[in-house]
Amino acid sequence: MIYLELFWSFFQIGLFAIGGGYAAMPLIQAQVVDARGWLSLAQFADVMAISEMTPGPIALNAATFVGVQTAGIPGGIVATIGCIVPPCIIMTLLAYLYYRYRGLSVIQGILAGLRPAVIAMIASAALSLVILAFYGTRTLPADLTVINWRAVVLFAAALFVLRKWKVSPIWAIAGTGAAGLLLYALL
């Protein structure tokens, strides 16, 4: 039964995750944290961090990781397959249709309309993760002064380095990981 649940959950994610891994974050959260309760919100944030750091698509990495956490290696395989099947079918169909009808203004209008929705999904996921990192809760607390200043400093430093010097995200992740070790474990 768990394999069917994993397949169906990640099939839905694969079916509706328009815009890539970052856009899939709220969908993954809705399935694995809210609907199924397979992970806590903190575990979900860890899965997203690991999925971002490892090679490959974020949603696919998350599917594999959640599947393994939930039902071992067979669960990882089932969740991964569930996540892959819809995009393969959809992309094959869309590639054919786009190639055939790419000059139509209707197609260009649809694509232009999808962009803001994808950005909104990414921003929603990012905001949820920022609130979790800064406050340790799912929603903004009543007292906004109870903030994790170490997390804010790490966030600001990483954002500054990424924007100012355009370093590789790998170096930003490694640097904030090392700084996090110093700030959280050693101090």
Foldseek 3Di string as FASTA:
>chain_A
DVLVLLLVLLLVLLQPQPPFDLLSLVSCCCRCPPPPNLDHPVVSLVLQLVLVQDDDTSSLSSSLVSLCSRPRNVRSVSNNCSNPVNVVVVVVVVVVVCVVPVVDVVVVVVVVVVVVVSVVSSVVSVVQSVCCQFQVDRDCDPDNVNTDVLSVVLVVVLVCCCVPVVDDVNVSSVVSVVSCCCVPVVD
